[in-house]
Amino acid sequence: MKQSVKLVAGNWKMNGLGASLTEVEVLRAALESEPAACRVALCPPATLIERMARAAAGSPIGVGGQDCRAETHGAFTGDVSAAMLRDAGATLVILGHSERRQGHGETDLLVSAKAEAALGAGLEPIVCVGETLQQREAGQAVDVVRSQIMASLPLVLAGRDFAVAYEPVWAIGTGLTPTLEQIEEVHRAVRAAMIERLGPGIAATPILYGGSVKPDNAAEILAVPEVGGALVGGASLRGADFLGIIRGA
């Protein structure tokens, strides 16, 4: 199936101080010397978004947030709205990551509301789905991600720029990775659910894989049918390691 240009996005999670922006300089220099075949983005903590956007200005590196509030403004101490992310220089935002779903009790309906808010602020949502180890062992992986797709993707996404990221919860930060066959099976199921939910017009929307993606396994994962990029955690913290993954695309 034809897909858009792959997207490789790095999720720094709760890592990074001002000094970490030297990694952006390393990545920028490499990509300007030898352009990537894919889109590239970094999603740092909110404290670094504006500084990273300045460091990446005019380069091929997009900058994103790691979450946003569904409401546009209000008495929500400690939260950040989609418009605030956009104002700081972000162009993308990760939504529904398993660490938010499990650690903060986020539901599919909340993720859907956040995706609408992101679109309203001019951000490109990256909506995450994925099963736990218990669900995988029970043979429920496909059913779980299908259910998440159907409830987490608002209908307003049809015809808009967005991505879905499949991240098996049990593979995030563990060093464990599904087989290539398992990745392909779930990505095909995600594609079918996306088309059922939003129509055939999203057939080129990228489906990223995330979960212990490293320079030494990126190329084979990114070559799997229906894998339209990667959502990278720890390996995105160092420019050289992240570049190795980007080159695999």
Protein backbone atom coordinates (compact mmCIF):
# COMPACT_ATOMS: atom_id res chain seq x y z
CA MET A 1 0.00 0.00 0.00
CA LYS A 2 1.34 3.42 -0.89
CA GLN A 3 2.43 5.50 2.07
CA SER A 4 3.57 9.05 2.64
CA VAL A 5 7.19 9.83 3.46
CA LYS A 6 8.20 8.04 6.64
CA LEU A 7 8.32 9.96 9.91
CA VAL A 8 10.96 9.25 12.54
CA ALA A 9 10.16 11.07 15.78
CA GLY A 10 12.16 11.09 18.99
CA ASN A 11 10.42 11.21 22.36
CA TRP A 12 12.80 12.55 25.00
CA LYS A 13 10.24 11.92 27.77
CA MET A 14 11.36 13.51 31.09
CA ASN A 15 14.96 13.89 29.99
CA GLY A 16 17.01 16.84 28.88
CA LEU A 17 18.31 20.18 30.13
CA GLY A 18 19.58 23.16 28.18
CA ALA A 19 22.96 21.49 27.67
CA SER A 20 21.19 18.64 25.85
CA LEU A 21 20.50 20.92 22.90
CA THR A 22 24.04 20.19 21.67
CA GLU A 23 22.55 16.90 20.43
CA VAL A 24 20.24 18.92 18.17
CA GLU A 25 23.26 20.70 16.74
CA VAL A 26 24.91 17.34 16.00
CA LEU A 27 21.77 16.07 14.30
CA ARG A 28 21.22 19.28 12.36
CA ALA A 29 24.75 19.33 10.98
CA ALA A 30 24.47 15.70 9.84
CA LEU A 31 21.09 16.18 8.17
CA GLU A 32 22.14 19.36 6.40
CA SER A 33 25.26 17.58 5.13
CA GLU A 34 23.32 14.50 4.02
CA PRO A 35 19.54 15.01 3.91
CA ALA A 36 17.35 12.23 5.29
CA ALA A 37 14.91 10.22 3.20
CA CYS A 38 12.30 10.64 5.94
CA ARG A 39 10.75 13.39 8.02
CA VAL A 40 12.49 13.96 11.34
CA ALA A 41 11.11 15.34 14.59
CA LEU A 42 12.12 15.61 18.24
CA CYS A 43 9.70 15.91 21.13
CA PRO A 44 11.53 17.27 24.18
CA PRO A 45 10.06 18.18 27.58
CA ALA A 46 7.97 21.34 27.51
CA THR A 47 10.79 23.33 29.14
CA LEU A 48 12.94 22.85 26.04
CA ILE A 49 10.43 23.26 23.21
CA GLU A 50 11.03 26.95 22.55
CA ARG A 51 14.82 26.64 22.78
CA MET A 52 14.86 23.53 20.61
CA ALA A 53 12.62 25.21 18.02
CA ARG A 54 15.12 28.05 17.83
CA ALA A 55 18.04 25.62 17.54
CA ALA A 56 16.27 23.70 14.77
CA ALA A 57 14.89 26.72 12.89
CA GLY A 58 15.49 26.44 9.14
CA SER A 59 16.58 22.80 9.45
CA PRO A 60 14.77 19.55 8.54
CA ILE A 61 14.08 18.88 12.23
CA GLY A 62 10.51 19.37 13.41
CA VAL A 63 9.78 19.96 17.11
CA GLY A 64 6.85 18.51 19.01
CA GLY A 65 5.27 18.28 22.44
CA GLN A 66 4.73 15.12 24.45
CA ASP A 67 1.15 15.82 25.51
CA CYS A 68 -1.42 18.61 25.65
CA ARG A 69 -4.57 19.48 27.54
CA ALA A 70 -7.87 18.98 25.73
CA GLU A 71 -9.16 22.37 26.91
CA THR A 72 -7.86 25.52 25.26
CA HIS A 73 -7.27 27.40 28.53
CA GLY A 74 -8.39 27.54 32.14
CA ALA A 75 -7.56 26.71 35.75
CA PHE A 76 -5.48 23.60 35.05
CA THR A 77 -2.32 24.06 37.09
CA GLY A 78 0.73 22.44 35.53
CA ASP A 79 -0.95 21.56 32.22
CA VAL A 80 -0.07 22.87 28.77
CA SER A 81 -2.57 23.59 25.99
CA ALA A 82 -2.08 22.78 22.33
CA ALA A 83 -2.01 26.50 21.53
CA MET A 84 0.79 26.98 24.06
CA LEU A 85 2.84 24.27 22.38
CA ARG A 86 2.27 25.88 19.00
CA ASP A 87 3.20 29.28 20.41
CA ALA A 88 6.46 27.80 21.72
CA GLY A 89 7.37 26.52 18.25
CA ALA A 90 5.98 22.97 18.19
CA THR A 91 4.38 21.59 15.05
CA LEU A 92 3.52 18.09 16.33
CA VAL A 93 2.35 16.51 19.57
CA ILE A 94 2.39 12.96 20.92
CA LEU A 95 -0.96 11.89 22.40
CA GLY A 96 -2.13 8.80 24.25
CA HIS A 97 1.31 7.39 24.96
CA SER A 98 1.02 4.29 27.16
CA GLU A 99 2.86 6.14 29.94
CA ARG A 100 0.03 8.68 29.91
CA ARG A 101 -2.71 6.09 29.53
CA GLN A 102 -1.41 3.92 32.36
CA GLY A 103 0.30 6.42 34.64
CA HIS A 104 -2.30 9.19 34.33
CA GLY A 105 -5.44 7.19 33.62
CA GLU A 106 -6.02 8.66 30.17
CA THR A 107 -8.91 7.09 28.29
CA ASP A 108 -9.49 6.72 24.57
CA LEU A 109 -12.14 9.45 24.72
CA LEU A 110 -9.71 11.85 26.39
CA VAL A 111 -7.06 11.09 23.78
CA SER A 112 -9.64 11.78 21.08
CA ALA A 113 -10.49 15.15 22.66
CA LYS A 114 -6.79 16.02 22.83
CA ALA A 115 -6.36 15.14 19.16
CA GLU A 116 -9.18 17.55 18.28
CA ALA A 117 -7.54 20.25 20.38
CA ALA A 118 -4.20 19.64 18.68
CA LEU A 119 -5.75 20.02 15.23
CA GLY A 120 -7.49 23.18 16.33
CA ALA A 121 -4.14 24.69 17.31
CA GLY A 122 -2.45 23.69 14.07
CA LEU A 123 -0.49 20.75 15.48
CA GLU A 124 -0.04 17.35 13.83
CA PRO A 125 -1.13 14.66 16.31
CA ILE A 126 0.78 11.40 16.77
CA VAL A 127 -1.80 9.14 18.44
CA CYS A 128 -0.35 6.14 20.29
CA VAL A 129 -1.91 2.71 20.72
CA GLY A 130 -0.58 -0.59 22.03
CA GLU A 131 -1.23 -3.68 24.10
CA THR A 132 0.21 -4.84 27.43
CA LEU A 133 2.15 -8.08 27.83
CA GLN A 134 -0.87 -9.69 29.49
CA GLN A 135 -3.05 -8.73 26.54
CA ARG A 136 -0.44 -9.97 24.06
CA GLU A 137 -0.14 -13.33 25.82
CA ALA A 138 -3.94 -13.65 25.87
CA GLY A 139 -4.04 -13.22 22.09
CA GLN A 140 -5.82 -9.88 22.37
CA ALA A 141 -3.26 -7.57 20.76
CA VAL A 142 -5.17 -6.94 17.53
CA ASP A 143 -8.51 -6.48 19.30
CA VAL A 144 -6.99 -4.05 21.80
CA VAL A 145 -5.36 -1.79 19.24
CA ARG A 146 -8.44 -1.88 17.02
CA SER A 147 -10.59 -0.74 19.94
CA GLN A 148 -8.12 2.03 20.75
CA ILE A 149 -8.09 3.23 17.14
CA MET A 150 -11.86 3.32 16.87
CA ALA A 151 -12.26 5.36 20.07
CA SER A 152 -9.08 7.49 20.06
CA LEU A 153 -9.25 8.92 16.53
CA PRO A 154 -11.82 11.72 16.20
CA LEU A 155 -13.64 11.90 12.89
CA VAL A 156 -12.21 15.37 12.25
CA LEU A 157 -8.85 13.70 11.53
CA ALA A 158 -10.14 12.61 8.12
CA GLY A 159 -8.26 14.56 5.47
CA ARG A 160 -5.83 16.05 7.99
CA ASP A 161 -2.16 15.42 8.70
CA PHE A 162 -1.62 13.01 11.57
CA ALA A 163 0.12 9.75 12.43
CA VAL A 164 -0.61 6.71 14.54
CA ALA A 165 2.13 5.08 16.58
CA TYR A 166 1.88 1.40 17.53
CA GLU A 167 3.86 0.83 20.71
CA PRO A 168 3.49 -2.54 22.41
CA VAL A 169 3.62 -1.52 26.07
CA TRP A 170 5.79 -4.48 26.99
CA ALA A 171 8.49 -3.42 24.51
CA ILE A 172 8.90 0.19 25.66
CA GLY A 173 12.27 0.66 27.34
CA THR A 174 12.65 -3.07 28.01
CA GLY A 175 14.94 -4.05 25.17
CA LEU A 176 12.25 -6.50 24.03
CA THR A 177 10.93 -6.22 20.49
CA PRO A 178 8.08 -8.09 18.76
CA THR A 179 8.98 -10.26 15.80
CA LEU A 180 8.75 -8.62 12.41
CA GLU A 181 5.72 -10.80 11.71
CA GLN A 182 3.99 -9.56 14.86
CA ILE A 183 4.74 -5.96 13.95
CA GLU A 184 3.33 -6.45 10.45
CA GLU A 185 0.20 -8.17 11.78
CA VAL A 186 -0.66 -5.32 14.13
CA HIS A 187 0.22 -2.57 11.65
CA ARG A 188 -2.09 -4.14 9.06
CA ALA A 189 -4.84 -4.32 11.69
CA VAL A 190 -4.24 -0.68 12.60
CA ARG A 191 -4.49 0.33 8.94
CA ALA A 192 -7.74 -1.58 8.50
CA ALA A 193 -9.22 0.04 11.62
CA MET A 194 -8.10 3.51 10.51
CA ILE A 195 -9.79 3.05 7.14
CA GLU A 196 -12.93 1.73 8.81
CA ARG A 197 -12.98 4.70 11.16
CA LEU A 198 -11.96 7.53 8.82
CA GLY A 199 -12.35 6.20 5.28
CA PRO A 200 -9.93 5.22 2.50
CA GLY A 201 -8.53 8.72 2.27
CA ILE A 202 -6.14 7.99 5.13
CA ALA A 203 -4.48 5.08 3.35
CA ALA A 204 -1.21 7.05 3.17
CA THR A 205 -1.23 8.22 6.79
CA PRO A 206 1.93 6.88 8.44
CA ILE A 207 1.77 4.23 11.14
CA LEU A 208 4.90 4.44 13.25
CA TYR A 209 6.40 1.61 15.27
CA GLY A 210 7.75 2.31 18.73
CA GLY A 211 9.31 0.11 21.38
CA SER A 212 13.06 -0.45 21.83
CA VAL A 213 13.93 0.88 18.36
CA LYS A 214 17.72 1.15 18.04
CA PRO A 215 20.22 1.82 15.25
CA ASP A 216 20.92 -1.91 14.91
CA ASN A 217 17.27 -2.97 14.39
CA ALA A 218 15.75 0.13 12.81
CA ALA A 219 16.32 -0.74 9.15
CA GLU A 220 14.62 -4.13 9.33
CA ILE A 221 11.69 -2.77 11.32
CA LEU A 222 11.23 0.20 8.99
CA ALA A 223 11.20 -2.18 6.01
CA VAL A 224 8.16 -4.08 7.34
CA PRO A 225 5.00 -3.50 5.25
CA GLU A 226 2.78 -0.77 6.72
CA VAL A 227 5.51 0.57 9.00
CA GLY A 228 5.60 4.24 8.08
CA GLY A 229 8.25 5.38 10.53
CA ALA A 230 9.31 5.10 14.15
CA LEU A 231 8.62 6.69 17.51
CA VAL A 232 11.93 6.44 19.33
CA GLY A 233 12.56 6.79 23.04
CA GLY A 234 15.97 6.49 24.66
CA ALA A 235 17.89 6.18 21.40
CA SER A 236 16.75 9.68 20.41
CA LEU A 237 18.60 11.34 23.28
CA ARG A 238 21.94 11.15 21.49
CA GLY A 239 22.16 12.73 18.06
CA ALA A 240 24.49 10.03 16.72
CA ASP A 241 22.21 7.17 17.82
CA PHE A 242 19.09 8.88 16.50
CA LEU A 243 20.84 9.55 13.22
CA GLY A 244 21.55 5.82 12.89
CA ILE A 245 17.81 5.13 13.09
CA ILE A 246 17.00 7.93 10.64
CA ARG A 247 19.46 6.50 8.12
CA GLY A 248 17.62 3.17 8.39
CA ALA A 249 14.51 4.78 6.94
